[in-house]
Amino acid sequence: MTHEVHLSRVEGELRERSYPTSRETLVDECAGTTVLFADGDADLGDLVAEIDQPRFESAEDAFTALQNVLPVEAVGEPGQSDGDA
């Protein structure tokens, strides 16, 4: 079943899973969930697949790891500078 979730709700989406779990299991469970970003979207299963961690002990663990693989489009305004000149 495919559904959409805003990035701000992804941690709640991850809490609906059973932990501890493997990355492969989480990829399968999250596939088909579209994460909506500030500028674009991505499949949650595809994002989890990019995480270089074989196992997650909790939803918080998975969400923290997920933040490291989010594309630049995931946060902020399109084309927004991070303050570097």
N, C-alpha and C. Protein backbone atom coordinates (compact mmCIF):
# COMPACT_ATOMS: atom_id res chain seq x y z
N MET A 1 0.83 -1.18 0.00
CA MET A 1 0.00 0.00 0.00
C MET A 1 0.88 1.24 0.00
N THR A 2 0.64 2.14 -0.91
CA THR A 2 1.41 3.36 -1.03
C THR A 2 0.70 4.49 -0.32
N HIS A 3 1.47 5.26 0.47
CA HIS A 3 0.91 6.46 1.07
C HIS A 3 2.00 7.50 1.23
N GLU A 4 1.60 8.73 1.55
CA GLU A 4 2.53 9.84 1.67
C GLU A 4 2.60 10.30 3.11
N VAL A 5 3.80 10.76 3.50
CA VAL A 5 4.01 11.29 4.83
C VAL A 5 4.99 12.46 4.73
N HIS A 6 4.71 13.53 5.44
CA HIS A 6 5.63 14.67 5.47
C HIS A 6 6.86 14.28 6.28
N LEU A 7 7.98 14.88 5.94
CA LEU A 7 9.24 14.59 6.63
C LEU A 7 9.09 14.74 8.15
N SER A 8 8.31 15.71 8.59
CA SER A 8 8.13 15.93 10.02
C SER A 8 7.40 14.78 10.71
N ARG A 9 6.79 13.89 9.94
CA ARG A 9 6.04 12.76 10.50
C ARG A 9 6.76 11.41 10.31
N VAL A 10 7.96 11.44 9.76
CA VAL A 10 8.67 10.18 9.48
C VAL A 10 9.02 9.42 10.74
N GLU A 11 9.43 10.11 11.80
CA GLU A 11 9.77 9.40 13.02
C GLU A 11 8.57 8.63 13.55
N GLY A 12 7.38 9.21 13.48
CA GLY A 12 6.16 8.51 13.89
C GLY A 12 5.90 7.30 13.01
N GLU A 13 6.18 7.44 11.73
CA GLU A 13 6.03 6.32 10.79
C GLU A 13 6.98 5.18 11.20
N LEU A 14 8.19 5.52 11.57
CA LEU A 14 9.16 4.51 11.98
C LEU A 14 8.76 3.85 13.30
N ARG A 15 8.09 4.58 14.17
CA ARG A 15 7.66 4.03 15.47
C ARG A 15 6.62 2.91 15.31
N GLU A 16 5.98 2.86 14.15
CA GLU A 16 4.97 1.83 13.92
C GLU A 16 5.60 0.47 13.60
N ARG A 17 6.90 0.41 13.51
CA ARG A 17 7.62 -0.84 13.20
C ARG A 17 8.07 -1.51 14.49
N SER A 18 8.47 -2.77 14.38
CA SER A 18 8.98 -3.53 15.53
C SER A 18 10.50 -3.45 15.56
N TYR A 19 11.05 -3.25 16.73
CA TYR A 19 12.50 -3.15 16.91
C TYR A 19 12.94 -4.10 18.02
N PRO A 20 14.21 -4.53 17.99
CA PRO A 20 15.22 -4.25 16.98
C PRO A 20 14.87 -4.92 15.65
N THR A 21 15.44 -4.35 14.58
CA THR A 21 15.18 -4.87 13.24
C THR A 21 16.40 -4.65 12.34
N SER A 22 16.46 -5.41 11.28
CA SER A 22 17.56 -5.26 10.32
C SER A 22 17.21 -4.16 9.32
N ARG A 23 18.24 -3.62 8.68
CA ARG A 23 18.01 -2.62 7.64
C ARG A 23 17.15 -3.21 6.53
N GLU A 24 17.42 -4.45 6.12
CA GLU A 24 16.66 -5.07 5.04
C GLU A 24 15.18 -5.17 5.36
N THR A 25 14.87 -5.55 6.59
CA THR A 25 13.47 -5.64 7.01
C THR A 25 12.80 -4.27 6.99
N LEU A 26 13.51 -3.26 7.49
CA LEU A 26 12.95 -1.91 7.52
C LEU A 26 12.77 -1.37 6.10
N VAL A 27 13.70 -1.68 5.20
CA VAL A 27 13.55 -1.28 3.79
C VAL A 27 12.25 -1.86 3.24
N ASP A 28 12.03 -3.15 3.45
CA ASP A 28 10.83 -3.81 2.94
C ASP A 28 9.56 -3.21 3.53
N GLU A 29 9.58 -2.93 4.84
CA GLU A 29 8.39 -2.40 5.51
C GLU A 29 8.08 -0.96 5.10
N CYS A 30 9.10 -0.21 4.74
CA CYS A 30 8.92 1.21 4.41
C CYS A 30 8.75 1.47 2.92
N ALA A 31 9.02 0.47 2.10
CA ALA A 31 8.88 0.64 0.65
C ALA A 31 7.44 1.02 0.31
N GLY A 32 7.30 1.97 -0.58
CA GLY A 32 5.96 2.40 -0.98
C GLY A 32 5.44 3.59 -0.19
N THR A 33 6.19 4.02 0.83
CA THR A 33 5.83 5.21 1.58
C THR A 33 6.60 6.38 1.00
N THR A 34 5.90 7.37 0.49
CA THR A 34 6.52 8.54 -0.09
C THR A 34 6.71 9.61 0.97
N VAL A 35 7.95 10.05 1.15
CA VAL A 35 8.27 11.12 2.09
C VAL A 35 8.24 12.43 1.31
N LEU A 36 7.44 13.38 1.78
CA LEU A 36 7.32 14.68 1.13
C LEU A 36 8.29 15.66 1.76
N PHE A 37 9.15 16.27 0.93
CA PHE A 37 10.15 17.22 1.38
C PHE A 37 9.70 18.65 1.10
N ALA A 38 10.52 19.60 1.53
CA ALA A 38 10.27 21.01 1.23
C ALA A 38 10.26 21.22 -0.28
N ASP A 39 11.09 20.44 -0.99
CA ASP A 39 11.17 20.57 -2.44
C ASP A 39 11.37 19.17 -3.05
N GLY A 40 10.31 18.42 -3.18
CA GLY A 40 10.39 17.09 -3.78
C GLY A 40 9.92 16.00 -2.84
N ASP A 41 10.27 14.77 -3.19
CA ASP A 41 9.88 13.62 -2.39
C ASP A 41 10.81 12.45 -2.69
N ALA A 42 10.70 11.39 -1.88
CA ALA A 42 11.49 10.17 -2.08
C ALA A 42 10.78 9.02 -1.40
N ASP A 43 11.08 7.81 -1.84
CA ASP A 43 10.52 6.61 -1.22
C ASP A 43 11.28 6.33 0.07
N LEU A 44 10.57 6.15 1.17
CA LEU A 44 11.20 5.91 2.46
C LEU A 44 12.04 4.64 2.45
N GLY A 45 11.58 3.61 1.79
CA GLY A 45 12.35 2.37 1.69
C GLY A 45 13.68 2.60 0.99
N ASP A 46 13.68 3.41 -0.07
CA ASP A 46 14.91 3.73 -0.79
C ASP A 46 15.88 4.51 0.10
N LEU A 47 15.34 5.42 0.89
CA LEU A 47 16.19 6.19 1.80
C LEU A 47 16.82 5.29 2.86
N VAL A 48 16.02 4.41 3.43
CA VAL A 48 16.54 3.49 4.45
C VAL A 48 17.62 2.59 3.84
N ALA A 49 17.45 2.20 2.59
CA ALA A 49 18.43 1.34 1.92
C ALA A 49 19.80 2.03 1.80
N GLU A 50 19.81 3.36 1.78
CA GLU A 50 21.06 4.11 1.67
C GLU A 50 21.82 4.20 2.99
N ILE A 51 21.19 3.85 4.09
CA ILE A 51 21.83 3.93 5.41
C ILE A 51 22.88 2.83 5.53
N ASP A 52 24.06 3.22 5.99
CA ASP A 52 25.16 2.28 6.15
C ASP A 52 25.19 1.76 7.59
N GLN A 53 24.10 1.10 7.96
CA GLN A 53 23.95 0.55 9.31
C GLN A 53 23.12 -0.72 9.16
N PRO A 54 23.62 -1.86 9.61
CA PRO A 54 22.92 -3.12 9.36
C PRO A 54 21.71 -3.38 10.26
N ARG A 55 21.59 -2.69 11.39
CA ARG A 55 20.56 -3.00 12.38
C ARG A 55 20.15 -1.73 13.12
N PHE A 56 18.89 -1.68 13.50
CA PHE A 56 18.36 -0.55 14.27
C PHE A 56 17.76 -1.08 15.56
N GLU A 57 18.12 -0.45 16.66
CA GLU A 57 17.63 -0.88 17.97
C GLU A 57 16.29 -0.24 18.34
N SER A 58 15.98 0.90 17.70
CA SER A 58 14.75 1.63 18.02
C SER A 58 14.37 2.54 16.86
N ALA A 59 13.18 3.11 16.93
CA ALA A 59 12.75 4.08 15.92
C ALA A 59 13.65 5.30 15.95
N GLU A 60 14.06 5.72 17.13
CA GLU A 60 14.95 6.87 17.26
C GLU A 60 16.29 6.59 16.58
N ASP A 61 16.80 5.38 16.75
CA ASP A 61 18.04 4.96 16.11
C ASP A 61 17.90 5.04 14.59
N ALA A 62 16.81 4.53 14.06
CA ALA A 62 16.57 4.54 12.62
C ALA A 62 16.40 5.97 12.11
N PHE A 63 15.68 6.80 12.83
CA PHE A 63 15.44 8.17 12.40
C PHE A 63 16.74 8.98 12.39
N THR A 64 17.57 8.79 13.41
CA THR A 64 18.86 9.49 13.46
C THR A 64 19.72 9.10 12.27
N ALA A 65 19.78 7.81 11.96
CA ALA A 65 20.57 7.34 10.83
C ALA A 65 19.98 7.87 9.51
N LEU A 66 18.67 7.93 9.42
CA LEU A 66 18.00 8.41 8.21
C LEU A 66 18.37 9.87 7.91
N GLN A 67 18.52 10.67 8.93
CA GLN A 67 18.84 12.08 8.73
C GLN A 67 20.17 12.27 8.00
N ASN A 68 21.06 11.30 8.11
CA ASN A 68 22.36 11.40 7.45
C ASN A 68 22.30 11.11 5.96
N VAL A 69 21.20 10.57 5.46
CA VAL A 69 21.09 10.24 4.03
C VAL A 69 20.03 11.06 3.31
N LEU A 70 19.41 12.00 4.01
CA LEU A 70 18.38 12.82 3.37
C LEU A 70 19.01 13.72 2.30
N PRO A 71 18.35 13.86 1.17
CA PRO A 71 18.87 14.75 0.13
C PRO A 71 18.72 16.21 0.54
N VAL A 72 19.45 17.08 -0.13
CA VAL A 72 19.42 18.50 0.18
C VAL A 72 18.00 19.07 0.05
N GLU A 73 17.19 18.49 -0.81
CA GLU A 73 15.82 18.96 -1.02
C GLU A 73 14.91 18.70 0.19
N ALA A 74 15.41 17.92 1.14
CA ALA A 74 14.57 17.49 2.25
C ALA A 74 14.21 18.61 3.22
N VAL A 75 15.09 19.56 3.38
CA VAL A 75 14.83 20.61 4.37
C VAL A 75 15.07 21.99 3.80
N GLY A 76 14.40 22.96 4.37
CA GLY A 76 14.60 24.34 3.97
C GLY A 76 13.90 24.70 2.68
N GLU A 77 14.08 25.93 2.31
CA GLU A 77 13.51 26.45 1.08
C GLU A 77 14.41 26.07 -0.09
N PRO A 78 13.85 25.81 -1.24
CA PRO A 78 14.66 25.50 -2.41
C PRO A 78 15.70 26.59 -2.67
N GLY A 79 16.96 26.17 -2.83
CA GLY A 79 18.02 27.11 -3.11
C GLY A 79 18.48 27.93 -1.94
N GLN A 80 18.00 27.64 -0.75
CA GLN A 80 18.34 28.40 0.44
C GLN A 80 19.79 28.15 0.82
N SER A 81 20.50 29.21 1.17
CA SER A 81 21.88 29.11 1.61
C SER A 81 21.92 28.70 3.07
N ASP A 82 22.99 27.99 3.45
CA ASP A 82 23.15 27.62 4.85
C ASP A 82 23.89 28.70 5.62
N GLY A 83 24.14 29.84 4.97
CA GLY A 83 24.80 30.95 5.64
C GLY A 83 26.24 31.15 5.24
N ASP A 84 26.83 30.20 4.53
CA ASP A 84 28.20 30.37 4.08
C ASP A 84 28.23 31.36 2.93
N ALA A 85 29.20 32.23 2.96
CA ALA A 85 29.31 33.24 1.90
C ALA A 85 30.41 32.88 0.93
